[in-house]
Protein backbone atom coordinates (compact mmCIF):
# COMPACT_ATOMS: atom_id res chain seq x y z
CA MET A 1 2.38 20.56 -6.52
CA ILE A 2 0.17 18.21 -4.47
CA LEU A 3 -1.98 16.19 -6.87
CA GLY A 4 -3.83 14.14 -4.25
CA ILE A 5 -3.89 12.82 -0.70
CA GLY A 6 -5.43 9.66 0.68
CA THR A 7 -5.70 7.92 4.00
CA ASP A 8 -7.09 4.60 5.15
CA LEU A 9 -7.46 2.41 8.24
CA CYS A 10 -7.43 -1.38 8.40
CA GLU A 11 -8.27 -3.61 11.38
CA VAL A 12 -5.35 -5.89 12.20
CA ALA A 13 -7.68 -8.68 13.42
CA ARG A 14 -9.58 -8.63 10.11
CA MET A 15 -6.30 -8.87 8.21
CA GLU A 16 -5.15 -11.75 10.42
CA LYS A 17 -8.22 -13.75 9.30
CA SER A 18 -7.72 -12.77 5.64
CA LEU A 19 -4.10 -13.94 5.70
CA GLN A 20 -5.29 -17.48 6.31
CA ARG A 21 -6.58 -17.58 2.71
CA ASP A 22 -3.72 -18.06 0.24
CA HIS A 23 -5.90 -16.70 -2.59
CA PHE A 24 -6.15 -13.40 -0.71
CA LEU A 25 -2.36 -13.10 -0.43
CA GLN A 26 -1.89 -13.84 -4.15
CA ARG A 27 -4.59 -11.42 -5.31
CA VAL A 28 -3.80 -8.47 -3.05
CA PHE A 29 -0.04 -8.46 -2.44
CA SER A 30 2.90 -8.29 -4.84
CA PRO A 31 5.61 -11.00 -4.65
CA GLY A 32 7.88 -8.61 -2.72
CA GLU A 33 5.12 -7.83 -0.23
CA ARG A 34 4.32 -11.50 0.27
CA GLU A 35 7.98 -12.11 1.07
CA LEU A 36 7.98 -9.19 3.53
CA ILE A 37 4.78 -10.38 5.23
CA GLN A 38 5.92 -14.02 5.43
CA ALA A 39 9.20 -12.92 7.06
CA ARG A 40 7.32 -11.29 9.96
CA GLN A 41 6.48 -13.33 13.04
CA GLY A 42 3.44 -13.26 15.31
CA LYS A 43 1.42 -10.08 15.58
CA ALA A 44 3.88 -8.17 13.35
CA ARG A 45 2.80 -10.28 10.37
CA ALA A 46 -0.83 -9.12 10.49
CA GLU A 47 0.19 -5.54 11.39
CA THR A 48 2.46 -5.35 8.35
CA ALA A 49 -0.20 -6.78 6.04
CA ALA A 50 -2.86 -4.43 7.45
CA ALA A 51 -0.61 -1.39 7.03
CA ASN A 52 0.22 -2.41 3.45
CA PHE A 53 -3.45 -2.95 2.64
CA ALA A 54 -4.32 0.47 4.07
CA ALA A 55 -1.50 1.97 1.96
CA LYS A 56 -3.00 0.48 -1.20
CA GLU A 57 -6.40 2.01 -0.46
CA ALA A 58 -4.82 5.34 0.51
CA PHE A 59 -2.99 5.39 -2.84
CA LEU A 60 -6.21 4.69 -4.76
CA LYS A 61 -8.01 7.44 -2.87
CA ALA A 62 -5.20 9.90 -3.57
CA CYS A 63 -5.35 9.02 -7.27
CA GLY A 64 -9.11 9.54 -7.27
CA VAL A 65 -9.72 6.24 -9.06
CA GLY A 66 -11.40 4.19 -6.34
CA LEU A 67 -10.96 0.50 -5.63
CA GLY A 68 -11.28 -0.54 -9.27
CA GLY A 69 -8.58 1.83 -10.51
CA PHE A 70 -5.63 -0.55 -10.45
CA ALA A 71 -5.02 -4.14 -9.40
CA LEU A 72 -4.06 -4.12 -5.72
CA ALA A 73 -0.99 -6.29 -6.37
CA GLU A 74 0.32 -3.55 -8.74
CA ILE A 75 0.53 -1.20 -5.75
CA GLY A 76 3.47 -2.68 -3.88
CA VAL A 77 4.41 -1.42 -0.43
CA LEU A 78 7.92 -2.34 0.70
CA ARG A 79 10.45 -0.99 3.18
CA GLN A 80 13.66 0.90 2.45
CA ALA A 81 16.90 -0.14 4.15
CA SER A 82 16.12 2.47 6.82
CA GLY A 83 12.76 0.80 7.48
CA ALA A 84 10.78 3.64 5.90
CA PRO A 85 7.82 2.46 3.82
CA CYS A 86 7.74 3.12 0.09
CA TYR A 87 5.54 2.36 -2.87
CA VAL A 88 6.82 0.12 -5.65
CA LEU A 89 4.32 0.53 -8.47
CA GLU A 90 3.97 -1.90 -11.35
CA GLY A 91 1.75 -2.31 -14.41
CA CYS A 92 -1.04 0.21 -14.92
CA ALA A 93 -0.34 1.94 -11.60
CA ALA A 94 3.30 2.59 -12.60
CA LYS A 95 2.22 3.77 -16.06
CA TRP A 96 -0.34 6.16 -14.54
CA ALA A 97 2.24 7.60 -12.12
CA GLU A 98 4.77 8.07 -14.94
CA GLU A 99 2.25 9.67 -17.30
CA ASN A 100 1.14 12.06 -14.57
CA TYR A 101 4.69 12.84 -13.34
CA VAL A 102 3.80 11.62 -9.87
CA THR A 103 6.07 10.88 -6.94
CA VAL A 104 4.24 9.15 -4.08
CA HIS A 105 5.04 9.67 -0.41
CA LEU A 106 3.83 7.28 2.28
CA SER A 107 3.51 7.13 6.05
CA LEU A 108 2.33 4.05 7.98
CA THR A 109 1.48 3.42 11.61
CA HIS A 110 -0.34 0.84 13.72
CA GLU A 111 -1.74 1.10 17.23
CA ALA A 112 -4.54 -0.46 19.27
CA GLY A 113 -5.48 -3.03 16.63
CA LEU A 114 -5.60 -0.60 13.71
CA ALA A 115 -3.16 0.14 10.91
CA CYS A 116 -3.21 3.54 9.21
CA ALA A 117 -1.68 4.76 5.97
CA PHE A 118 -1.35 8.28 4.58
CA ALA A 119 -0.37 8.84 0.94
CA VAL A 120 0.59 12.09 -0.76
CA LEU A 121 0.88 12.32 -4.54
CA GLU A 122 3.31 15.02 -5.64
CA GLN A 123 3.28 16.12 -9.28
CA THR A 124 6.93 16.71 -10.06
CA GLY A 125 6.85 17.91 -13.68
CA GLY A 126 5.14 17.79 -17.04
CA VAL A 127 1.54 18.75 -17.58
């Protein structure tokens, strides 16, 4: 059963400016995400960060908790070996997903200076 959906857009240029502040990286991105972002070169670095940021907001919207629901760094967005994006939840976000029997699906894209994320929360049992 679909528990929630969320989508978000993030401007790549805005993210490029934000990445210049180390405090922003530490507060918003998990250690795994920071490693992923730092490994990217040129424009891909800001595109990856913007897509990950949009994925965090899409997840929060799908949960119905808003921006204060979970710490952004608890909502990790990494890539599988195939390159497909996936959530890696930690802390309160992971606990919430487990308690609500939620599996989260994610799609990311970027084009024309924008990054877009679409999250679907699937309730897979319980309740």
